[in-house]
Protein backbone atom coordinates (compact mmCIF):
# COMPACT_ATOMS: atom_id res chain seq x y z
CA MET A 1 6.49 9.46 21.56
CA GLU A 2 8.23 8.50 18.39
CA LYS A 3 5.93 7.16 15.57
CA LEU A 4 6.63 3.77 13.74
CA ILE A 5 5.78 3.03 10.22
CA LEU A 6 5.17 -0.53 9.31
CA LEU A 7 5.53 -1.24 5.62
CA ASP A 8 3.91 -4.26 3.87
CA ALA A 9 4.62 -4.89 0.21
CA GLY A 10 1.68 -7.00 -0.77
CA HIS A 11 2.15 -10.46 -2.46
CA GLY A 12 5.22 -12.21 -3.69
CA GLY A 13 8.23 -11.37 -5.98
CA ILE A 14 10.75 -12.95 -8.23
CA ILE A 15 12.65 -15.96 -6.97
CA ASN A 16 15.32 -17.31 -9.25
CA GLY A 17 13.64 -15.86 -12.30
CA GLN A 18 10.20 -17.38 -11.45
CA TYR A 19 7.24 -15.39 -10.04
CA VAL A 20 6.04 -17.04 -6.84
CA THR A 21 2.37 -16.04 -7.03
CA ALA A 22 1.72 -16.52 -10.84
CA PRO A 23 -0.73 -16.42 -12.46
CA LYS A 24 -2.92 -14.62 -10.02
CA LYS A 25 -0.91 -11.52 -9.30
CA MET A 26 0.52 -10.95 -12.81
CA VAL A 27 -0.86 -9.74 -16.07
CA VAL A 28 0.37 -10.43 -19.64
CA PHE A 29 -1.15 -8.28 -22.30
CA PRO A 30 -1.43 -9.35 -25.99
CA ASP A 31 1.61 -7.28 -26.95
CA GLY A 32 3.66 -9.22 -24.38
CA PHE A 33 3.90 -6.39 -21.81
CA THR A 34 3.77 -7.98 -18.44
CA ILE A 35 3.30 -6.59 -14.98
CA TYR A 36 3.91 -8.34 -11.62
CA GLU A 37 2.13 -6.89 -8.64
CA GLY A 38 4.61 -8.06 -6.07
CA VAL A 39 7.50 -6.49 -8.04
CA TRP A 40 5.58 -3.32 -8.51
CA ASN A 41 4.63 -3.18 -4.72
CA ARG A 42 8.24 -3.52 -3.75
CA LEU A 43 9.41 -0.79 -6.00
CA VAL A 44 7.03 1.56 -4.17
CA VAL A 45 7.91 0.45 -0.78
CA GLU A 46 11.66 0.66 -1.62
CA GLY A 47 11.09 4.27 -2.61
CA ILE A 48 9.14 4.93 0.66
CA LYS A 49 12.05 3.32 2.65
CA GLU A 50 14.64 5.45 0.99
CA ALA A 51 12.76 8.55 1.86
CA LEU A 52 11.95 7.63 5.37
CA THR A 53 15.59 6.71 5.96
CA SER A 54 16.75 10.19 4.75
CA ALA A 55 14.05 11.90 6.85
CA GLY A 56 14.92 9.98 9.99
CA VAL A 57 11.44 8.38 10.35
CA LYS A 58 11.46 5.03 12.27
CA PHE A 59 10.01 2.17 10.04
CA ASP A 60 10.10 -1.57 9.60
CA ASP A 61 9.79 -3.46 6.33
CA ILE A 62 7.41 -6.21 7.52
CA VAL A 63 8.27 -8.44 4.47
CA ASN A 64 11.84 -7.37 3.71
CA SER A 65 12.05 -10.35 1.19
CA GLN A 66 11.24 -11.24 -2.35
CA LYS A 67 9.23 -14.21 -0.92
CA ASP A 68 5.45 -14.11 -0.38
CA ILE A 69 5.17 -14.09 3.43
CA PRO A 70 1.93 -15.51 4.79
CA LEU A 71 -0.53 -12.96 5.90
CA LYS A 72 -0.55 -14.21 9.66
CA ASN A 73 3.22 -13.84 9.67
CA ARG A 74 3.00 -10.35 8.50
CA VAL A 75 0.33 -9.41 11.06
CA ASP A 76 2.14 -11.18 13.88
CA ARG A 77 5.36 -9.34 13.13
CA ALA A 78 3.53 -5.94 12.80
CA ASN A 79 1.71 -6.46 16.09
CA ARG A 80 4.79 -7.25 17.97
CA LEU A 81 6.52 -4.10 16.68
CA ALA A 82 3.29 -2.02 17.30
CA ALA A 83 2.99 -3.20 20.81
CA GLU A 84 6.55 -2.10 21.53
CA ALA A 85 5.91 1.30 20.06
CA GLY A 86 2.50 1.66 21.55
CA PRO A 87 -0.31 0.89 18.96
CA LYS A 88 -1.52 4.37 18.60
CA ASN A 89 2.05 5.34 17.53
CA ALA A 90 2.27 2.96 14.67
CA LEU A 91 0.78 2.92 11.25
CA PHE A 92 0.58 -0.11 9.16
CA VAL A 93 0.79 0.62 5.24
CA SER A 94 0.13 -2.28 2.92
CA VAL A 95 0.94 -1.48 -0.69
CA HIS A 96 -0.92 -3.12 -3.56
CA ALA A 97 -1.94 -2.76 -7.10
CA ASN A 98 -5.53 -3.42 -8.18
CA ALA A 99 -7.14 -5.97 -10.60
CA GLY A 100 -10.30 -7.39 -11.60
CA GLY A 101 -11.46 -4.90 -14.14
CA GLY A 102 -11.64 -1.05 -13.42
CA ASN A 103 -9.61 2.10 -13.13
CA GLY A 104 -8.32 4.45 -10.62
CA TYR A 105 -6.95 4.18 -7.03
CA GLU A 106 -8.62 3.36 -3.63
CA VAL A 107 -7.71 2.66 -0.03
CA TYR A 108 -9.22 0.21 2.38
CA THR A 109 -9.45 0.24 6.20
CA SER A 110 -11.16 -2.26 8.52
CA LYS A 111 -14.84 -1.94 9.16
CA GLY A 112 -16.29 0.80 11.39
CA GLU A 113 -14.84 4.06 12.45
CA SER A 114 -11.16 3.79 13.61
CA ALA A 115 -7.93 5.81 13.76
CA SER A 116 -7.13 4.48 10.27
CA ASP A 117 -9.83 6.59 8.64
CA LYS A 118 -7.78 9.89 8.66
CA ALA A 119 -4.69 8.21 7.03
CA ALA A 120 -6.94 6.77 4.40
CA THR A 121 -8.56 10.08 3.71
CA ASN A 122 -5.10 11.64 3.42
CA TYR A 123 -3.95 9.08 1.00
CA MET A 124 -6.88 9.68 -1.26
CA ASP A 125 -6.45 13.45 -1.16
CA PHE A 126 -2.72 13.10 -1.98
CA MET A 127 -3.31 10.79 -4.84
CA ALA A 128 -5.99 13.12 -6.18
CA GLU A 129 -3.25 15.91 -6.20
CA ALA A 130 -0.74 13.72 -7.87
CA PHE A 131 -3.03 12.21 -10.45
CA PRO A 132 -5.86 14.80 -11.17
CA SER A 133 -7.04 13.11 -14.30
CA HIS A 134 -7.44 9.76 -12.70
CA ARG A 135 -10.50 8.31 -10.73
CA GLY A 136 -10.48 8.16 -6.99
CA ARG A 137 -12.70 5.25 -6.17
CA LYS A 138 -14.54 6.22 -2.92
CA ASP A 139 -17.22 4.93 -0.58
CA THR A 140 -18.55 8.06 1.10
CA THR A 141 -21.61 6.41 2.65
CA ASP A 142 -20.11 6.71 6.10
CA GLY A 143 -18.82 10.20 5.72
CA ASP A 144 -15.19 9.53 4.50
CA SER A 145 -13.57 8.33 1.21
CA ASP A 146 -12.06 5.00 2.27
CA LYS A 147 -13.63 1.63 1.39
CA GLU A 148 -14.03 -0.90 4.31
CA ALA A 149 -13.19 -4.59 4.20
CA ASN A 150 -12.19 -7.46 6.54
CA PHE A 151 -8.89 -8.01 4.92
CA TYR A 152 -6.65 -9.99 7.16
CA VAL A 153 -3.97 -7.36 7.54
CA LEU A 154 -6.50 -4.69 8.42
CA LYS A 155 -8.85 -6.76 10.65
CA TYR A 156 -6.10 -8.21 12.76
CA THR A 157 -3.51 -5.40 13.21
CA ILE A 158 -3.59 -3.77 16.59
CA CYS A 159 -2.50 -0.38 15.23
CA PRO A 160 -4.16 1.92 12.53
CA ALA A 161 -3.78 0.31 9.18
CA ILE A 162 -4.40 1.01 5.62
CA LEU A 163 -4.32 -0.95 2.37
CA THR A 164 -3.71 1.10 -0.70
CA GLU A 165 -4.69 0.06 -4.28
CA SER A 166 -2.97 2.36 -6.68
CA PHE A 167 -4.36 1.68 -10.05
CA PHE A 168 -5.38 -1.43 -12.00
CA MET A 169 -2.60 -3.52 -13.33
CA ASP A 170 -5.07 -5.36 -15.67
CA ASN A 171 -6.08 -2.04 -17.34
CA TYR A 172 -3.54 -1.66 -20.13
CA GLN A 173 -3.42 2.13 -20.08
CA GLU A 174 -2.83 2.30 -16.28
CA ALA A 175 -0.49 -0.65 -16.25
CA LYS A 176 1.77 1.21 -18.78
CA GLU A 177 1.68 4.42 -16.85
CA MET A 178 2.02 3.09 -13.37
CA THR A 179 5.26 1.23 -14.26
CA THR A 180 6.94 4.42 -15.38
CA PRO A 181 9.51 5.95 -13.04
CA GLU A 182 7.51 9.18 -12.95
CA ALA A 183 4.25 7.54 -11.87
CA ILE A 184 6.04 5.36 -9.39
CA LYS A 185 7.64 8.49 -7.80
CA LYS A 186 4.14 10.06 -7.59
CA VAL A 187 2.65 7.05 -5.89
CA VAL A 188 5.68 6.93 -3.46
CA GLN A 189 5.12 10.63 -2.60
CA ALA A 190 1.39 10.16 -1.98
CA HIS A 191 2.30 7.43 0.53
CA LEU A 192 4.97 9.60 2.17
CA ARG A 193 2.77 12.48 2.51
CA THR A 194 0.14 10.16 4.29
CA ILE A 195 2.87 8.87 6.55
CA TYR A 196 4.23 12.30 7.37
CA ALA A 197 0.84 13.55 8.27
CA PHE A 198 0.38 10.65 10.62
CA CYS A 199 3.86 11.36 12.25
CA HIS A 200 3.06 14.96 12.81
CA ALA A 201 -0.57 14.55 14.07
């Protein structure tokens, strides 16, 4: 059966020149350089969408807006679409940038073993290939590399679901790098390879 990819660009964006989730999801550095997570997340998702369209892969943009859609609304929409496709045939991919002090990339799934684990492992492997000099932040205590959390979009989705955190936007060096076209393209490709692996499993 045809696979369905559910794309979720985390957090808000720019509405009439104002960032809707400031100040939590933005960072302003001393030199004035500013990064907005919602904007960066959408750049990655737009790149994924463009490639999936060209490849003929069925997908839905859960947010499809510059507005910050409530988590329940995101999950309700994703679950409706996943139910129609068959939950095992859908993959929910929530795209984020990290913060809170640190460096590197990581991925989350819901707690316990699930069908999400393989996709999460693939994402970590593909990011390692794309960014060999960067840290892959892993939790291997249960035999795989994903971290587990009760994030709403992971806990309540009925299909396999991953939440990616591609670098720390409050780390100046990473923030500068991750906003370059070259890095964005690599992050997009890591997500796409994860998606294609799911589609061909």
